[in-house]
Protein backbone atom coordinates (compact mmCIF):
# COMPACT_ATOMS: atom_id res chain seq x y z
CA MET A 1 22.98 19.25 7.73
CA GLY A 2 19.56 19.27 9.42
CA ASN A 3 16.10 19.22 7.90
CA GLY A 4 16.45 22.86 6.87
CA GLY A 5 19.31 21.96 4.53
CA SER A 6 17.35 19.27 2.75
CA ASP A 7 14.60 21.78 1.91
CA ASN A 8 17.10 23.54 -0.34
CA LEU A 9 17.53 20.37 -2.39
CA THR A 10 13.98 19.09 -2.75
CA ASN A 11 10.45 20.26 -3.45
CA GLU A 12 7.60 18.59 -1.61
CA THR A 13 4.22 18.16 -3.20
CA LYS A 14 1.25 16.97 -1.13
CA ILE A 15 -1.70 15.22 -2.73
CA VAL A 16 -4.86 14.17 -0.88
CA LEU A 17 -7.02 11.29 -2.11
CA LYS A 18 -10.47 10.64 -0.70
CA GLY A 19 -11.97 7.20 -0.57
CA ARG A 20 -13.84 4.68 1.54
CA LYS A 21 -12.77 3.13 4.82
CA VAL A 22 -12.19 -0.59 4.87
CA ILE A 23 -10.23 -0.75 8.14
CA GLY A 24 -9.80 2.20 10.49
CA GLY A 25 -6.68 3.52 12.10
CA VAL A 26 -3.80 5.68 10.94
CA ALA A 27 -0.41 4.61 9.61
CA GLU A 28 2.25 6.30 7.55
CA GLY A 29 5.41 5.26 5.81
CA GLU A 30 7.03 4.52 2.48
CA ALA A 31 4.84 3.32 -0.38
CA LEU A 32 5.41 0.08 -2.26
CA VAL A 33 3.32 0.32 -5.43
CA SER A 34 2.23 -2.39 -7.85
CA LYS A 35 1.00 -0.90 -11.11
CA VAL A 36 -0.48 -4.30 -12.07
CA PRO A 37 -3.12 -6.39 -10.26
CA VAL A 38 -1.87 -8.72 -7.55
CA MET A 39 -2.62 -12.45 -7.62
CA GLY A 40 -3.75 -14.31 -4.52
CA TRP A 41 -3.77 -18.08 -4.25
CA GLY A 42 -0.27 -19.58 -4.18
CA ASN A 43 1.39 -16.28 -5.10
CA VAL A 44 2.36 -14.89 -1.69
CA ASP A 45 4.81 -16.24 0.85
CA MET A 46 3.06 -15.27 4.06
CA LYS A 47 6.06 -16.09 6.25
CA ARG A 48 8.39 -13.78 4.33
CA GLY A 49 5.69 -11.26 3.32
CA VAL A 50 6.59 -11.27 -0.36
CA ILE A 51 4.78 -11.74 -3.65
CA THR A 52 5.98 -14.93 -5.33
CA GLU A 53 4.03 -14.59 -8.59
CA ARG A 54 6.32 -15.33 -11.52
CA ASP A 55 7.16 -12.20 -13.56
CA HIS A 56 5.41 -9.84 -11.12
CA PRO A 57 7.33 -6.54 -10.86
CA LEU A 58 7.33 -6.75 -7.04
CA LYS A 59 8.34 -10.41 -6.83
CA ASP A 60 10.39 -11.07 -3.66
CA ILE A 61 10.26 -7.44 -2.45
CA PRO A 62 9.20 -7.39 1.23
CA LEU A 63 5.82 -5.83 2.05
CA LYS A 64 6.78 -5.48 5.73
CA GLY A 65 6.58 -1.94 7.03
CA LYS A 66 5.36 -0.49 3.71
CA VAL A 67 2.13 1.12 2.60
CA PHE A 68 1.07 -1.43 -0.03
CA VAL A 69 -0.65 0.23 -3.00
CA PHE A 70 -2.17 -1.76 -5.88
CA PRO A 71 -4.99 -1.47 -8.43
CA THR A 72 -7.06 -4.61 -7.81
CA PRO A 73 -6.66 -8.24 -6.80
CA ARG A 74 -6.57 -11.09 -9.28
CA GLY A 75 -7.63 -14.63 -8.70
CA SER A 76 -9.43 -16.44 -5.95
CA GLY A 77 -9.85 -16.37 -2.22
CA GLY A 78 -6.16 -17.12 -1.79
CA TRP A 79 -5.83 -13.42 -1.08
CA ILE A 80 -6.39 -14.30 2.57
CA PHE A 81 -2.71 -15.31 2.69
CA TYR A 82 -1.79 -11.62 2.45
CA GLY A 83 -3.75 -11.21 5.67
CA PHE A 84 -1.86 -14.09 7.26
CA THR A 85 1.43 -12.16 6.84
CA ARG A 86 0.40 -10.46 10.08
CA PHE A 87 0.97 -13.68 12.03
CA TYR A 88 4.62 -13.70 10.90
CA ASP A 89 5.24 -9.97 11.44
CA ALA A 90 5.75 -9.66 7.69
CA ASN A 91 2.74 -7.49 6.81
CA PRO A 92 2.48 -4.02 5.31
CA ILE A 93 1.54 -1.22 7.74
CA ALA A 94 -1.40 -0.11 5.55
CA MET A 95 -3.10 -0.89 2.24
CA VAL A 96 -4.54 1.34 -0.46
CA TYR A 97 -6.24 -0.08 -3.51
CA LYS A 98 -8.29 1.26 -6.39
CA LYS A 99 -11.04 -1.34 -6.36
CA GLY A 100 -11.57 -3.77 -3.56
CA LEU A 101 -13.42 -7.02 -3.57
CA ALA A 102 -14.52 -9.25 -0.73
CA ILE A 103 -11.19 -11.11 -0.95
CA THR A 104 -9.07 -7.98 -0.43
CA ASN A 105 -11.39 -6.72 2.29
CA LEU A 106 -11.12 -10.05 4.13
CA ALA A 107 -7.31 -9.92 3.93
CA ALA A 108 -7.42 -6.36 5.31
CA ILE A 109 -9.63 -7.49 8.20
CA VAL A 110 -7.25 -10.33 9.09
CA MET A 111 -4.19 -8.08 8.70
CA ASN A 112 -5.93 -5.36 10.78
CA VAL A 113 -4.09 -2.42 9.22
CA PRO A 114 -5.54 0.90 8.03
CA THR A 115 -7.02 0.30 4.58
CA VAL A 116 -8.74 2.63 2.10
CA THR A 117 -10.31 1.84 -1.29
CA ASP A 118 -12.64 3.38 -3.90
CA LEU A 119 -10.61 6.59 -4.08
CA ASP A 120 -11.47 9.65 -6.13
CA ARG A 121 -8.31 9.07 -8.21
CA ASP A 122 -6.44 5.91 -9.17
CA PRO A 123 -3.83 5.56 -6.42
CA THR A 124 -1.45 3.66 -8.71
CA GLU A 125 -1.34 6.67 -11.03
CA VAL A 126 -0.75 9.16 -8.20
CA ILE A 127 1.51 7.25 -5.80
CA ASP A 128 4.98 5.97 -6.69
CA THR A 129 7.16 3.54 -4.79
CA GLY A 130 9.15 5.56 -2.29
CA ASP A 131 6.57 8.31 -1.77
CA HIS A 132 5.65 9.04 1.85
CA VAL A 133 2.02 8.06 2.41
CA LYS A 134 -0.27 8.60 5.38
CA VAL A 135 -3.38 6.41 5.42
CA ASP A 136 -6.24 7.56 7.65
CA GLY A 137 -8.61 4.64 7.49
CA ASP A 138 -11.07 6.31 9.86
CA LYS A 139 -11.60 9.24 7.50
CA GLY A 140 -10.96 7.38 4.24
CA ILE A 141 -8.15 9.80 3.37
CA VAL A 142 -4.75 9.09 1.85
CA GLU A 143 -2.13 11.86 1.98
CA VAL A 144 0.81 11.51 -0.40
CA THR A 145 4.02 13.49 -0.05
CA LYS A 146 6.21 13.46 -3.13
CA HIS A 147 9.82 14.52 -2.84
CA ARG A 148 11.43 15.83 -6.01
CA LEU A 149 14.92 17.19 -6.46
CA LYS A 150 15.00 20.89 -7.22
CA LYS A 151 16.38 21.82 -10.62
């Protein structure tokens, strides 16, 4: 069954969010969404590209190849270690966050992936893990494609 067959089983909904460029470029892929703030210092394994924060909902789930979506950072300048995931080929392909701070922006610069923040809607309320997301850092636009089974 080709793509035409799958259209009979699912509805696609597209949502466009507008925000501010942090890092330019375009990337698209599957979203990995944290509904809670993400801690920096000592709470990321940069070699494996995973959150190690105890009791975090995304603990030990790889960021590699995902569009990482989260509300805000928590903690100190240890957020730079998310940027260092790039040196181990364990980084997300893009980042989208509701409210950025200097620590998240610095990590985005080191990671050098398309990054958008300060969106017109809270991305963690619009985007779910598994949604297809295109991040256009140059334009500050995030396009979300939701796939829902037809009833």
